[in-house]
Each structure stands twice: as C-alpha cells, then as structure tokens.
Protein backbone atom coordinates (compact mmCIF):
# COMPACT_ATOMS: atom_id res chain seq x y z
CA MET A 1 -13.94 -14.68 -5.45
CA GLY A 2 -15.63 -11.43 -6.59
CA ARG A 3 -14.13 -8.86 -8.87
CA MET A 4 -12.11 -6.13 -7.28
CA LYS A 5 -13.42 -2.60 -7.61
CA PRO A 6 -11.50 -0.28 -9.85
CA LEU A 7 -8.70 1.56 -7.98
CA ILE A 8 -7.97 5.30 -8.01
CA ASP A 9 -4.45 6.65 -8.34
CA THR A 10 -2.80 9.57 -6.50
CA ASN A 11 -2.45 11.81 -9.53
CA VAL A 12 -6.21 11.70 -10.26
CA ILE A 13 -7.06 12.83 -6.72
CA VAL A 14 -4.31 15.47 -6.59
CA ARG A 15 -5.37 16.96 -9.94
CA PHE A 16 -8.96 17.16 -8.65
CA LEU A 17 -8.03 18.69 -5.26
CA ILE A 18 -5.68 21.32 -6.68
CA GLY A 19 -8.31 22.31 -9.24
CA ASP A 20 -6.18 21.63 -12.32
CA LYS A 21 -7.82 23.46 -15.29
CA ASN A 22 -5.61 21.92 -17.96
CA THR A 23 -7.87 20.71 -20.81
CA LYS A 24 -6.14 17.36 -20.61
CA TYR A 25 -8.16 16.81 -17.44
CA LYS A 26 -11.51 18.07 -18.70
CA GLY A 27 -13.28 14.81 -17.75
CA LEU A 28 -11.93 14.92 -14.28
CA TYR A 29 -14.76 16.99 -12.70
CA LYS A 30 -17.46 14.87 -14.35
CA PHE A 31 -15.68 11.79 -13.01
CA PHE A 32 -15.64 13.18 -9.43
CA THR A 33 -19.26 14.25 -9.69
CA SER A 34 -20.04 10.60 -10.60
CA LEU A 35 -17.96 9.44 -7.63
CA GLU A 36 -19.80 11.79 -5.34
CA LYS A 37 -23.19 10.48 -6.52
CA GLY A 38 -21.97 6.86 -6.48
CA THR A 39 -22.67 6.21 -10.15
CA ILE A 40 -18.96 5.29 -10.45
CA LYS A 41 -17.34 3.23 -7.67
CA VAL A 42 -13.69 2.97 -6.85
CA GLU A 43 -11.54 1.78 -3.97
CA LEU A 44 -9.08 4.19 -2.43
CA LYS A 45 -6.08 2.31 -1.05
CA LEU A 46 -4.61 3.64 2.19
CA VAL A 47 -1.08 3.95 0.63
CA VAL A 48 -2.63 6.16 -2.10
CA LEU A 49 -4.28 8.39 0.52
CA PHE A 50 -0.96 8.77 2.28
CA GLN A 51 0.77 9.64 -0.98
CA VAL A 52 -1.95 12.26 -1.83
CA LEU A 53 -1.38 13.78 1.58
CA PHE A 54 2.40 13.83 1.13
CA VAL A 55 2.27 15.33 -2.42
CA LEU A 56 -0.16 18.09 -1.37
CA LYS A 57 1.87 18.95 1.70
CA SER A 58 5.41 18.71 0.31
CA PHE A 59 5.09 19.59 -3.40
CA TYR A 60 2.05 21.91 -3.42
CA LYS A 61 2.66 23.34 0.07
CA VAL A 62 -1.02 22.97 1.03
CA HIS A 63 -1.64 23.53 4.75
CA LYS A 64 -2.37 20.31 6.62
CA LYS A 65 -5.77 21.57 7.90
CA ASP A 66 -6.86 22.15 4.28
CA ILE A 67 -5.54 18.73 3.24
CA ALA A 68 -7.37 16.99 6.11
CA GLU A 69 -10.66 18.83 5.34
CA ALA A 70 -10.41 18.00 1.63
CA LEU A 71 -9.69 14.33 2.26
CA LEU A 72 -12.47 14.09 4.89
CA ASP A 73 -14.88 15.56 2.35
CA LEU A 74 -13.64 13.14 -0.33
CA LEU A 75 -14.34 10.16 2.04
CA LYS A 76 -18.03 11.21 2.02
CA PHE A 77 -18.33 10.51 -1.69
CA LYS A 78 -20.72 7.58 -2.17
CA GLY A 79 -18.54 6.00 -4.87
CA ILE A 80 -15.30 6.00 -2.87
CA THR A 81 -14.62 3.11 -0.53
CA ILE A 82 -11.59 2.69 1.75
CA ARG A 83 -10.89 0.04 4.32
CA GLU A 84 -11.04 1.14 7.91
CA LYS A 85 -13.05 4.23 6.96
CA LYS A 86 -13.80 5.17 10.60
CA ILE A 87 -10.15 4.84 11.60
CA ILE A 88 -9.08 6.90 8.55
CA ARG A 89 -11.56 9.65 9.41
CA GLN A 90 -10.36 9.74 13.03
CA MET A 91 -6.73 9.76 11.79
CA LEU A 92 -7.34 12.76 9.57
CA GLU A 93 -9.21 14.65 12.31
CA LEU A 94 -6.40 13.96 14.76
CA TRP A 95 -3.74 15.01 12.25
CA ARG A 96 -5.64 18.17 11.50
CA ASP A 97 -6.04 19.10 15.16
CA THR A 98 -2.59 18.18 16.51
CA SER A 99 1.13 18.46 15.71
CA LEU A 100 1.46 14.67 15.43
CA GLU A 101 2.71 12.93 12.29
CA ILE A 102 0.17 11.17 10.15
CA VAL A 103 1.42 7.67 10.89
CA ASP A 104 1.19 8.31 14.61
CA CYS A 105 -2.37 9.51 14.09
CA TYR A 106 -3.15 6.30 12.24
CA LEU A 107 -1.71 4.17 15.00
CA ILE A 108 -3.63 6.13 17.71
CA ALA A 109 -6.92 5.87 15.75
CA SER A 110 -6.38 2.14 15.21
CA LEU A 111 -5.56 1.51 18.86
CA GLN A 112 -8.50 3.53 20.15
CA LYS A 113 -10.82 1.53 17.87
CA ASN A 114 -9.36 -1.66 19.27
CA PRO A 115 -8.95 -1.07 23.03
CA GLY A 116 -6.60 -3.41 24.83
CA THR A 117 -4.30 -3.68 21.82
CA THR A 118 -0.65 -2.92 22.67
CA LEU A 119 1.69 -0.57 20.84
CA TYR A 120 5.39 -1.16 21.09
CA SER A 121 7.06 2.23 20.82
CA TYR A 122 9.63 4.48 22.47
CA ASP A 123 7.58 7.56 21.53
CA HIS A 124 6.16 9.11 24.69
CA ASP A 125 3.77 11.29 22.65
CA PHE A 126 1.45 8.32 22.59
CA ASP A 127 1.04 8.49 26.39
CA ARG A 128 -1.29 11.54 25.98
CA PHE A 129 -3.87 9.23 24.50
CA SER A 130 -5.79 6.38 26.07
CA ILE A 131 -3.70 3.58 24.50
CA ASN A 132 -1.44 0.85 25.89
CA ARG A 133 2.13 1.73 24.98
CA ILE A 134 5.08 -0.46 26.02
CA GLU A 135 8.73 -0.05 25.32
CA PRO A 136 10.27 -3.23 23.92
C-alpha cells in the first residue's frame, strides 16, 4: 500500500483565504504558491472543506458567493487533490447559485453524477433537480 499524501488542515486554508498578515504565518503564502504550482502536494479531505466553508461563513461572515469562488479557485491548484473533485466543484457552484444548504448541494451533485441512484428524503426541494427522490 502506498504512502498517503500529506493532509491540509482547516486553519491553514482559512488563514490563507482571509489574508492573515500575522508574521507567525509568513511562510503561508510561499506554501500556497508551491501548492498552486504543484511543487508541494496535499490531500484536502471533504470534511476539512466543509469546515473551512463553515468557519468562513459563520465566524468571519464571508458571503457564500465569495467562499464558493475562493474554494473553486483553490481546487484548481495543481498540488491540491480532493476525492470526487467534479462533484465538489458542482456542489460549490450549486451552493453559490442557489439558496440550498451545502449538504443538499453535495447530494444533488452526487446524484446527478450517478444517474439512477435513489435519494431517500422528505425534502421536496430535491424535486427541482433531475434526481430520483423517494420518501421512506
């Protein structure tokens, strides 16, 4: 079994995205430049992405369109990998463009990528999208 890529934590991404100028984080921008070029490689776990989104929205009061755009840009960095990248991109675009919650956007993006898959839910908001929703 191969070695796992290094992981990146929420606080590193948040510090970068909010533009923290504290000298404690002086290596941060060089680090992200290396990530952008792909000279450093990390894996971004989905749960970390969700936490970044939550922290920026709730603590820093960043508008969701700005969060979505920043995260979509981050996903273009050559050194950042995330599982289900196409689904995550679609999720962020949907979240940016609608009033839906992020988890609903993730489910919709997942279901649209895998047509024919069923979603068990009582939420009628899903019916606006071409997915198969069934109430249990």
